[in-house]
């Protein structure tokens, strides 16, 4: 079980692209805020790195992430 499972569950129910703020993602995960790396490094949102357990939440749900660190927003794009 991963601490990112609630995000997987949320995304798995979505049939289309989803845009969320970092705050909304933290809320879904039951956190006060995301880890600092999520705010600082675009690589944290990478879908191509199996060493990042958070990316399994969206890739396993059928999405890739497109993060805007300045706006603190992420669009999860449904892979078709």
Protein backbone atom coordinates (compact mmCIF):
# COMPACT_ATOMS: atom_id res chain seq x y z
CA UNK A 1 0.00 0.00 0.00
CA UNK A 2 1.29 3.44 -0.93
CA UNK A 3 0.51 6.80 0.61
CA UNK A 4 -0.40 7.82 -2.97
CA UNK A 5 -3.19 5.22 -3.27
CA UNK A 6 -5.94 7.82 -2.59
CA UNK A 7 -4.76 9.76 -5.66
CA UNK A 8 -4.85 6.57 -7.72
CA UNK A 9 -8.40 5.88 -6.49
CA UNK A 10 -9.48 9.43 -7.32
CA UNK A 11 -8.01 9.39 -10.82
CA UNK A 12 -9.17 5.86 -11.63
CA UNK A 13 -12.77 7.15 -11.41
CA UNK A 14 -12.14 9.92 -13.97
CA UNK A 15 -12.81 9.19 -17.65
CA UNK A 16 -11.11 12.37 -18.87
CA UNK A 17 -8.29 14.84 -18.17
CA UNK A 18 -8.27 16.34 -14.68
CA UNK A 19 -6.65 19.57 -13.50
CA UNK A 20 -5.93 19.89 -9.78
CA UNK A 21 -4.05 22.34 -7.62
CA UNK A 22 -1.26 21.07 -5.42
CA UNK A 23 -3.54 21.90 -2.48
CA UNK A 24 -6.31 19.70 -3.88
CA UNK A 25 -3.88 16.82 -4.36
CA UNK A 26 -2.64 17.22 -0.79
CA UNK A 27 -6.26 17.15 0.39
CA UNK A 28 -6.95 13.97 -1.60
CA UNK A 29 -3.90 12.41 0.03
CA UNK A 30 -4.88 13.63 3.51
CA UNK A 31 -1.73 15.74 3.84
CA UNK A 32 -1.10 19.29 5.03
CA UNK A 33 1.00 19.81 1.90
CA UNK A 34 2.92 17.84 -0.68
CA UNK A 35 6.60 17.10 -0.17
CA UNK A 36 8.91 20.03 -0.95
CA UNK A 37 10.24 18.31 -4.07
CA UNK A 38 6.78 18.49 -5.66
CA UNK A 39 6.94 22.30 -5.49
CA UNK A 40 10.56 22.58 -6.63
CA UNK A 41 11.34 19.92 -9.24
CA UNK A 42 9.42 19.14 -12.43
CA UNK A 43 11.02 15.69 -12.33
CA UNK A 44 8.89 14.85 -9.30
CA UNK A 45 5.93 14.83 -11.68
CA UNK A 46 7.68 12.65 -14.27
CA UNK A 47 5.85 9.64 -15.58
CA UNK A 48 8.99 8.04 -16.92
CA UNK A 49 10.82 7.34 -13.67
CA UNK A 50 9.93 4.09 -11.94
CA UNK A 51 11.94 5.21 -8.88
CA UNK A 52 9.26 7.77 -8.04
CA UNK A 53 6.47 5.89 -6.24
CA UNK A 54 4.08 8.84 -6.60
CA UNK A 55 4.10 8.51 -10.39
CA UNK A 56 2.57 5.04 -10.08
CA UNK A 57 -0.56 6.70 -8.71
CA UNK A 58 -1.29 8.42 -12.00
CA UNK A 59 0.34 6.03 -14.46
CA UNK A 60 -1.45 3.00 -13.00
CA UNK A 61 -4.71 4.96 -13.25
CA UNK A 62 -3.99 5.63 -16.94
CA UNK A 63 -2.74 9.22 -16.81
CA UNK A 64 0.41 11.24 -17.34
CA UNK A 65 1.11 14.43 -15.40
CA UNK A 66 1.76 17.89 -16.80
CA UNK A 67 2.76 20.10 -13.86
CA UNK A 68 2.99 23.90 -13.71
CA UNK A 69 5.17 24.57 -10.67
CA UNK A 70 4.68 28.34 -10.84
CA UNK A 71 0.89 28.06 -10.68
CA UNK A 72 1.06 24.95 -8.46
CA UNK A 73 -1.33 23.11 -10.77
CA UNK A 74 -1.19 19.71 -12.44
CA UNK A 75 -3.17 18.43 -15.37
CA UNK A 76 -3.46 14.69 -15.38
CA UNK A 77 -3.89 13.73 -19.02
CA UNK A 78 -5.84 10.58 -19.72
CA UNK A 79 -3.86 8.24 -21.92
CA UNK A 80 -6.09 6.95 -24.69
